[in-house]
Amino acid sequence: MAKVVLWGSLSRLADGRKEFDIDAPDIGRMLAALGSEAPKLKPILDKGVTVSIDGTLYRLDRFKTIDPDSEVFILPKMAGG
């Protein structure tokens, strides 16, 4: 299972919980599982977040695989420009 950490103020939508152990093969399924465990977080996850997997940032790649021993951070959506 990957360790998933909520960054910043996102944890308040998970009743203060910051860390989750999620068993999912890719970003899309991980976000779905996280939304099931923390339903108040689901609307933010559906709007879009930035996902860091082992230090690499992903925004739109829902099919990016996640290794079971990966460290995953969920960050509020980051705008670029």
PDB file of N, CA and C in Angstrom:
ATOM      1  N   MET A   1       0.836  -1.194   0.000  1.00  0.00           N
ATOM      2  CA  MET A   1       0.000   0.000   0.000  1.00  0.00           C
ATOM      3  C   MET A   1       0.873   1.246   0.000  1.00  0.00           C
ATOM      4  N   ALA A   2       0.440   2.207  -0.768  1.00  0.00           N
ATOM      5  CA  ALA A   2       1.169   3.471  -0.817  1.00  0.00           C
ATOM      6  C   ALA A   2       0.747   4.351   0.356  1.00  0.00           C
ATOM      7  N   LYS A   3       1.698   5.083   0.889  1.00  0.00           N
ATOM      8  CA  LYS A   3       1.405   6.066   1.937  1.00  0.00           C
ATOM      9  C   LYS A   3       1.005   7.358   1.229  1.00  0.00           C
ATOM     10  N   VAL A   4      -0.213   7.829   1.504  1.00  0.00           N
ATOM     11  CA  VAL A   4      -0.740   9.043   0.879  1.00  0.00           C
ATOM     12  C   VAL A   4      -0.861  10.110   1.961  1.00  0.00           C
ATOM     13  N   VAL A   5      -0.247  11.263   1.719  1.00  0.00           N
ATOM     14  CA  VAL A   5      -0.216  12.355   2.689  1.00  0.00           C
ATOM     15  C   VAL A   5      -0.952  13.559   2.108  1.00  0.00           C
ATOM     16  N   LEU A   6      -1.868  14.112   2.885  1.00  0.00           N
ATOM     17  CA  LEU A   6      -2.561  15.343   2.496  1.00  0.00           C
ATOM     18  C   LEU A   6      -1.706  16.525   2.903  1.00  0.00           C
ATOM     19  N   TRP A   7      -1.484  17.439   2.002  1.00  0.00           N
ATOM     20  CA  TRP A   7      -0.616  18.588   2.233  1.00  0.00           C
ATOM     21  C   TRP A   7      -1.445  19.814   2.601  1.00  0.00           C
ATOM     22  N   GLY A   8      -0.958  20.568   3.523  1.00  0.00           N
ATOM     23  CA  GLY A   8      -1.577  21.851   3.879  1.00  0.00           C
ATOM     24  C   GLY A   8      -2.974  21.714   4.443  1.00  0.00           C
ATOM     25  N   SER A   9      -3.853  22.588   3.972  1.00  0.00           N
ATOM     26  CA  SER A   9      -5.205  22.673   4.526  1.00  0.00           C
ATOM     27  C   SER A   9      -6.122  21.538   4.077  1.00  0.00           C
ATOM     28  N   LEU A  10      -5.680  20.673   3.180  1.00  0.00           N
ATOM     29  CA  LEU A  10      -6.539  19.577   2.727  1.00  0.00           C
ATOM     30  C   LEU A  10      -6.935  18.644   3.869  1.00  0.00           C
ATOM     31  N   SER A  11      -6.102  18.530   4.875  1.00  0.00           N
ATOM     32  CA  SER A  11      -6.406  17.606   5.976  1.00  0.00           C
ATOM     33  C   SER A  11      -7.642  18.039   6.763  1.00  0.00           C
ATOM     34  N   ARG A  12      -7.966  19.329   6.751  1.00  0.00           N
ATOM     35  CA  ARG A  12      -9.173  19.751   7.482  1.00  0.00           C
ATOM     36  C   ARG A  12     -10.434  19.148   6.859  1.00  0.00           C
ATOM     37  N   LEU A  13     -10.386  18.832   5.560  1.00  0.00           N
ATOM     38  CA  LEU A  13     -11.525  18.198   4.897  1.00  0.00           C
ATOM     39  C   LEU A  13     -11.569  16.693   5.158  1.00  0.00           C
ATOM     40  N   ALA A  14     -10.542  16.186   5.808  1.00  0.00           N
ATOM     41  CA  ALA A  14     -10.486  14.773   6.184  1.00  0.00           C
ATOM     42  C   ALA A  14     -10.539  14.653   7.702  1.00  0.00           C
ATOM     43  N   ASP A  15     -11.237  15.600   8.328  1.00  0.00           N
ATOM     44  CA  ASP A  15     -11.387  15.611   9.787  1.00  0.00           C
ATOM     45  C   ASP A  15     -10.036  15.611  10.506  1.00  0.00           C
ATOM     46  N   GLY A  16      -9.067  16.320   9.917  1.00  0.00           N
ATOM     47  CA  GLY A  16      -7.750  16.459  10.530  1.00  0.00           C
ATOM     48  C   GLY A  16      -6.782  15.338  10.221  1.00  0.00           C
ATOM     49  N   ARG A  17      -7.250  14.318   9.564  1.00  0.00           N
ATOM     50  CA  ARG A  17      -6.372  13.186   9.229  1.00  0.00           C
ATOM     51  C   ARG A  17      -5.453  13.588   8.076  1.00  0.00           C
ATOM     52  N   LYS A  18      -4.161  13.298   8.211  1.00  0.00           N
ATOM     53  CA  LYS A  18      -3.183  13.703   7.203  1.00  0.00           C
ATOM     54  C   LYS A  18      -2.624  12.545   6.389  1.00  0.00           C
ATOM     55  N   GLU A  19      -2.669  11.333   6.925  1.00  0.00           N
ATOM     56  CA  GLU A  19      -2.058  10.199   6.242  1.00  0.00           C
ATOM     57  C   GLU A  19      -3.049   9.062   6.051  1.00  0.00           C
ATOM     58  N   PHE A  20      -2.948   8.417   4.882  1.00  0.00           N
ATOM     59  CA  PHE A  20      -3.792   7.281   4.533  1.00  0.00           C
ATOM     60  C   PHE A  20      -2.913   6.222   3.885  1.00  0.00           C
ATOM     61  N   ASP A  21      -3.241   4.967   4.094  1.00  0.00           N
ATOM     62  CA  ASP A  21      -2.619   3.867   3.363  1.00  0.00           C
ATOM     63  C   ASP A  21      -3.628   3.428   2.314  1.00  0.00           C
ATOM     64  N   ILE A  22      -3.280   3.630   1.043  1.00  0.00           N
ATOM     65  CA  ILE A  22      -4.201   3.359  -0.052  1.00  0.00           C
ATOM     66  C   ILE A  22      -3.582   2.318  -0.973  1.00  0.00           C
ATOM     67  N   ASP A  23      -4.360   1.300  -1.296  1.00  0.00           N
ATOM     68  CA  ASP A  23      -3.936   0.266  -2.233  1.00  0.00           C
ATOM     69  C   ASP A  23      -4.644   0.530  -3.559  1.00  0.00           C
ATOM     70  N   ALA A  24      -3.934   1.154  -4.504  1.00  0.00           N
ATOM     71  CA  ALA A  24      -4.507   1.467  -5.807  1.00  0.00           C
ATOM     72  C   ALA A  24      -3.380   1.445  -6.845  1.00  0.00           C
ATOM     73  N   PRO A  25      -3.680   0.976  -8.065  1.00  0.00           N
ATOM     74  CA  PRO A  25      -2.629   0.846  -9.074  1.00  0.00           C
ATOM     75  C   PRO A  25      -2.268   2.144  -9.796  1.00  0.00           C
ATOM     76  N   ASP A  26      -3.146   3.153  -9.721  1.00  0.00           N
ATOM     77  CA  ASP A  26      -2.871   4.394 -10.450  1.00  0.00           C
ATOM     78  C   ASP A  26      -3.499   5.590  -9.734  1.00  0.00           C
ATOM     79  N   ILE A  27      -3.188   6.787 -10.238  1.00  0.00           N
ATOM     80  CA  ILE A  27      -3.649   8.017  -9.590  1.00  0.00           C
ATOM     81  C   ILE A  27      -5.172   8.091  -9.542  1.00  0.00           C
ATOM     82  N   GLY A  28      -5.847   7.778 -10.635  1.00  0.00           N
ATOM     83  CA  GLY A  28      -7.301   7.865 -10.673  1.00  0.00           C
ATOM     84  C   GLY A  28      -7.973   7.000  -9.617  1.00  0.00           C
ATOM     85  N   ARG A  29      -7.532   5.772  -9.504  1.00  0.00           N
ATOM     86  CA  ARG A  29      -8.130   4.864  -8.516  1.00  0.00           C
ATOM     87  C   ARG A  29      -7.734   5.250  -7.098  1.00  0.00           C
ATOM     88  N   MET A  30      -6.530   5.787  -6.944  1.00  0.00           N
ATOM     89  CA  MET A  30      -6.104   6.253  -5.621  1.00  0.00           C
ATOM     90  C   MET A  30      -6.981   7.414  -5.163  1.00  0.00           C
ATOM     91  N   LEU A  31      -7.257   8.368  -6.073  1.00  0.00           N
ATOM     92  CA  LEU A  31      -8.104   9.504  -5.714  1.00  0.00           C
ATOM     93  C   LEU A  31      -9.529   9.045  -5.395  1.00  0.00           C
ATOM     94  N   ALA A  32     -10.039   8.065  -6.137  1.00  0.00           N
ATOM     95  CA  ALA A  32     -11.369   7.529  -5.856  1.00  0.00           C
ATOM     96  C   ALA A  32     -11.412   6.872  -4.470  1.00  0.00           C
ATOM     97  N   ALA A  33     -10.389   6.090  -4.150  1.00  0.00           N
ATOM     98  CA  ALA A  33     -10.330   5.432  -2.839  1.00  0.00           C
ATOM     99  C   ALA A  33     -10.193   6.464  -1.723  1.00  0.00           C
ATOM    100  N   LEU A  34      -9.400   7.492  -1.951  1.00  0.00           N
ATOM    101  CA  LEU A  34      -9.230   8.544  -0.954  1.00  0.00           C
ATOM    102  C   LEU A  34     -10.546   9.290  -0.736  1.00  0.00           C
ATOM    103  N   GLY A  35     -11.272   9.556  -1.815  1.00  0.00           N
ATOM    104  CA  GLY A  35     -12.578  10.211  -1.704  1.00  0.00           C
ATOM    105  C   GLY A  35     -13.582   9.366  -0.938  1.00  0.00           C
ATOM    106  N   SER A  36     -13.472   8.053  -1.052  1.00  0.00           N
ATOM    107  CA  SER A  36     -14.355   7.157  -0.292  1.00  0.00           C
ATOM    108  C   SER A  36     -14.017   7.178   1.198  1.00  0.00           C
ATOM    109  N   GLU A  37     -12.729   7.264   1.514  1.00  0.00           N
ATOM    110  CA  GLU A  37     -12.305   7.288   2.919  1.00  0.00           C
ATOM    111  C   GLU A  37     -12.532   8.648   3.574  1.00  0.00           C
ATOM    112  N   ALA A  38     -12.499   9.702   2.776  1.00  0.00           N
ATOM    113  CA  ALA A  38     -12.687  11.068   3.292  1.00  0.00           C
ATOM    114  C   ALA A  38     -13.691  11.789   2.389  1.00  0.00           C
ATOM    115  N   PRO A  39     -14.986  11.512   2.556  1.00  0.00           N
ATOM    116  CA  PRO A  39     -16.012  12.038   1.647  1.00  0.00           C
ATOM    117  C   PRO A  39     -16.040  13.561   1.510  1.00  0.00           C
ATOM    118  N   LYS A  40     -15.690  14.300   2.549  1.00  0.00           N
ATOM    119  CA  LYS A  40     -15.677  15.769   2.446  1.00  0.00           C
ATOM    120  C   LYS A  40     -14.579  16.253   1.501  1.00  0.00           C
ATOM    121  N   LEU A  41     -13.589  15.432   1.275  1.00  0.00           N
ATOM    122  CA  LEU A  41     -12.476  15.766   0.396  1.00  0.00           C
ATOM    123  C   LEU A  41     -12.815  15.519  -1.080  1.00  0.00           C
ATOM    124  N   LYS A  42     -13.809  14.675  -1.329  1.00  0.00           N
ATOM    125  CA  LYS A  42     -14.141  14.256  -2.693  1.00  0.00           C
ATOM    126  C   LYS A  42     -14.384  15.413  -3.659  1.00  0.00           C
ATOM    127  N   PRO A  43     -15.147  16.468  -3.320  1.00  0.00           N
ATOM    128  CA  PRO A  43     -15.352  17.562  -4.281  1.00  0.00           C
ATOM    129  C   PRO A  43     -14.043  18.224  -4.730  1.00  0.00           C
ATOM    130  N   ILE A  44     -13.089  18.362  -3.821  1.00  0.00           N
ATOM    131  CA  ILE A  44     -11.798  18.948  -4.169  1.00  0.00           C
ATOM    132  C   ILE A  44     -11.018  18.001  -5.082  1.00  0.00           C
ATOM    133  N   LEU A  45     -11.066  16.719  -4.774  1.00  0.00           N
ATOM    134  CA  LEU A  45     -10.380  15.729  -5.605  1.00  0.00           C
ATOM    135  C   LEU A  45     -10.973  15.702  -7.009  1.00  0.00           C
ATOM    136  N   ASP A  46     -12.294  15.837  -7.101  1.00  0.00           N
ATOM    137  CA  ASP A  46     -12.965  15.836  -8.401  1.00  0.00           C
ATOM    138  C   ASP A  46     -12.632  17.078  -9.224  1.00  0.00           C
ATOM    139  N   LYS A  47     -12.451  18.228  -8.559  1.00  0.00           N
ATOM    140  CA  LYS A  47     -12.087  19.464  -9.268  1.00  0.00           C
ATOM    141  C   LYS A  47     -10.668  19.397  -9.807  1.00  0.00           C
ATOM    142  N   GLY A  48      -9.825  18.681  -9.108  1.00  0.00           N
ATOM    143  CA  GLY A  48      -8.438  18.531  -9.547  1.00  0.00           C
ATOM    144  C   GLY A  48      -7.463  18.931  -8.460  1.00  0.00           C
ATOM    145  N   VAL A  49      -6.470  18.107  -8.290  1.00  0.00           N
ATOM    146  CA  VAL A  49      -5.401  18.350  -7.337  1.00  0.00           C
ATOM    147  C   VAL A  49      -4.082  18.038  -8.032  1.00  0.00           C
ATOM    148  N   THR A  50      -3.006  18.424  -7.408  1.00  0.00           N
ATOM    149  CA  THR A  50      -1.681  18.034  -7.881  1.00  0.00           C
ATOM    150  C   THR A  50      -1.226  16.861  -7.023  1.00  0.00           C
ATOM    151  N   VAL A  51      -0.703  15.841  -7.673  1.00  0.00           N
ATOM    152  CA  VAL A  51      -0.255  14.632  -6.982  1.00  0.00           C
ATOM    153  C   VAL A  51       1.258  14.511  -7.166  1.00  0.00           C
ATOM    154  N   SER A  52       1.947  14.337  -6.062  1.00  0.00           N
ATOM    155  CA  SER A  52       3.383  14.096  -6.093  1.00  0.00           C
ATOM    156  C   SER A  52       3.623  12.627  -5.766  1.00  0.00           C
ATOM    157  N   ILE A  53       4.272  11.922  -6.691  1.00  0.00           N
ATOM    158  CA  ILE A  53       4.632  10.521  -6.458  1.00  0.00           C
ATOM    159  C   ILE A  53       6.149  10.446  -6.424  1.00  0.00           C
ATOM    160  N   ASP A  54       6.672  10.118  -5.270  1.00  0.00           N
ATOM    161  CA  ASP A  54       8.124  10.004  -5.086  1.00  0.00           C
ATOM    162  C   ASP A  54       8.861  11.236  -5.625  1.00  0.00           C
ATOM    163  N   GLY A  55       8.276  12.413  -5.387  1.00  0.00           N
ATOM    164  CA  GLY A  55       8.932  13.669  -5.729  1.00  0.00           C
ATOM    165  C   GLY A  55       8.628  14.227  -7.109  1.00  0.00           C
ATOM    166  N   THR A  56       7.859  13.524  -7.937  1.00  0.00           N
ATOM    167  CA  THR A  56       7.492  14.010  -9.269  1.00  0.00           C
ATOM    168  C   THR A  56       6.032  14.442  -9.251  1.00  0.00           C
ATOM    169  N   LEU A  57       5.760  15.649  -9.781  1.00  0.00           N
ATOM    170  CA  LEU A  57       4.404  16.204  -9.769  1.00  0.00           C
ATOM    171  C   LEU A  57       3.603  15.771 -10.991  1.00  0.00           C
ATOM    172  N   TYR A  58       2.317  15.452 -10.755  1.00  0.00           N
ATOM    173  CA  TYR A  58       1.380  15.075 -11.810  1.00  0.00           C
ATOM    174  C   TYR A  58       0.085  15.837 -11.592  1.00  0.00           C
ATOM    175  N   ARG A  59      -0.503  16.366 -12.679  1.00  0.00           N
ATOM    176  CA  ARG A  59      -1.777  17.075 -12.563  1.00  0.00           C
ATOM    177  C   ARG A  59      -2.897  16.378 -13.316  1.00  0.00           C
ATOM    178  N   LEU A  60      -2.629  15.909 -14.510  1.00  0.00           N
ATOM    179  CA  LEU A  60      -3.695  15.393 -15.352  1.00  0.00           C
ATOM    180  C   LEU A  60      -3.551  13.917 -15.691  1.00  0.00           C
ATOM    181  N   ASP A  61      -2.523  13.276 -15.254  1.00  0.00           N
ATOM    182  CA  ASP A  61      -2.232  11.897 -15.625  1.00  0.00           C
ATOM    183  C   ASP A  61      -2.855  10.918 -14.633  1.00  0.00           C
ATOM    184  N   ARG A  62      -4.152  10.661 -14.780  1.00  0.00           N
ATOM    185  CA  ARG A  62      -4.874   9.788 -13.851  1.00  0.00           C
ATOM    186  C   ARG A  62      -4.463   8.319 -13.987  1.00  0.00           C
ATOM    187  N   PHE A  63      -3.779   7.978 -15.081  1.00  0.00           N
ATOM    188  CA  PHE A  63      -3.384   6.591 -15.304  1.00  0.00           C
ATOM    189  C   PHE A  63      -1.931   6.313 -14.911  1.00  0.00           C
ATOM    190  N   LYS A  64      -1.264   7.306 -14.345  1.00  0.00           N
ATOM    191  CA  LYS A  64       0.116   7.111 -13.874  1.00  0.00           C
ATOM    192  C   LYS A  64       0.118   6.068 -12.770  1.00  0.00           C
ATOM    193  N   THR A  65       0.953   5.060 -12.922  1.00  0.00           N
ATOM    194  CA  THR A  65       0.975   3.979 -11.940  1.00  0.00           C
ATOM    195  C   THR A  65       1.614   4.426 -10.626  1.00  0.00           C
ATOM    196  N   ILE A  66       1.183   3.773  -9.575  1.00  0.00           N
ATOM    197  CA  ILE A  66       1.712   4.012  -8.235  1.00  0.00           C
ATOM    198  C   ILE A  66       2.240   2.686  -7.711  1.00  0.00           C
ATOM    199  N   ASP A  67       3.516   2.654  -7.374  1.00  0.00           N
ATOM    200  CA  ASP A  67       4.099   1.451  -6.785  1.00  0.00           C
ATOM    201  C   ASP A  67       3.632   1.329  -5.331  1.00  0.00           C
ATOM    202  N   PRO A  68       3.500   0.103  -4.839  1.00  0.00           N
ATOM    203  CA  PRO A  68       3.029  -0.091  -3.465  1.00  0.00           C
ATOM    204  C   PRO A  68       3.868   0.605  -2.404  1.00  0.00           C
ATOM    205  N   ASP A  69       5.151   0.813  -2.680  1.00  0.00           N
ATOM    206  CA  ASP A  69       6.013   1.448  -1.680  1.00  0.00           C
ATOM    207  C   ASP A  69       6.221   2.941  -1.960  1.00  0.00           C
ATOM    208  N   SER A  70       5.419   3.513  -2.859  1.00  0.00           N
ATOM    209  CA  SER A  70       5.559   4.935  -3.203  1.00  0.00           C
ATOM    210  C   SER A  70       5.091   5.832  -2.068  1.00  0.00           C
ATOM    211  N   GLU A  71       5.691   7.010  -2.027  1.00  0.00           N
ATOM    212  CA  GLU A  71       5.230   8.057  -1.119  1.00  0.00           C
ATOM    213  C   GLU A  71       4.480   9.076  -1.977  1.00  0.00           C
ATOM    214  N   VAL A  72       3.224   9.300  -1.622  1.00  0.00           N
ATOM    215  CA  VAL A  72       2.343  10.131  -2.426  1.00  0.00           C
ATOM    216  C   VAL A  72       1.868  11.318  -1.590  1.00  0.00           C
ATOM    217  N   PHE A  73       1.975  12.510  -2.157  1.00  0.00           N
ATOM    218  CA  PHE A  73       1.459  13.716  -1.515  1.00  0.00           C
ATOM    219  C   PHE A  73       0.353  14.287  -2.391  1.00  0.00           C
ATOM    220  N   ILE A  74      -0.745  14.685  -1.770  1.00  0.00           N
ATOM    221  CA  ILE A  74      -1.845  15.344  -2.458  1.00  0.00           C
ATOM    222  C   ILE A  74      -1.786  16.815  -2.090  1.00  0.00           C
ATOM    223  N   LEU A  75      -1.639  17.672  -3.103  1.00  0.00           N
ATOM    224  CA  LEU A  75      -1.532  19.115  -2.897  1.00  0.00           C
ATOM    225  C   LEU A  75      -2.704  19.822  -3.567  1.00  0.00           C
ATOM    226  N   PRO A  76      -3.098  20.985  -3.056  1.00  0.00           N
ATOM    227  CA  PRO A  76      -4.112  21.755  -3.763  1.00  0.00           C
ATOM    228  C   PRO A  76      -3.659  22.004  -5.206  1.00  0.00           C
ATOM    229  N   LYS A  77      -4.621  22.171  -6.097  1.00  0.00           N
ATOM    230  CA  LYS A  77      -4.304  22.386  -7.503  1.00  0.00           C
ATOM    231  C   LYS A  77      -3.327  23.546  -7.664  1.00  0.00           C
ATOM    232  N   MET A  78      -2.291  23.311  -8.428  1.00  0.00           N
ATOM    233  CA  MET A  78      -1.281  24.334  -8.682  1.00  0.00           C
ATOM    234  C   MET A  78      -1.479  24.868 -10.100  1.00  0.00           C
ATOM    235  N   ALA A  79      -1.535  26.174 -10.215  1.00  0.00           N
ATOM    236  CA  ALA A  79      -1.634  26.789 -11.540  1.00  0.00           C
ATOM    237  C   ALA A  79      -0.234  27.091 -12.040  1.00  0.00           C
ATOM    238  N   GLY A  80      -0.052  26.884 -13.300  1.00  0.00           N
ATOM    239  CA  GLY A  80       1.257  27.170 -13.884  1.00  0.00           C
ATOM    240  C   GLY A  80       1.165  28.314 -14.867  1.00  0.00           C
ATOM    241  N   GLY A  81       2.297  28.796 -15.250  1.00  0.00           N
ATOM    242  CA  GLY A  81       2.238  29.869 -16.244  1.00  0.00           C
ATOM    243  C   GLY A  81       3.557  30.530 -16.429  1.00  0.00           C
TER     244      GLY A  81
END
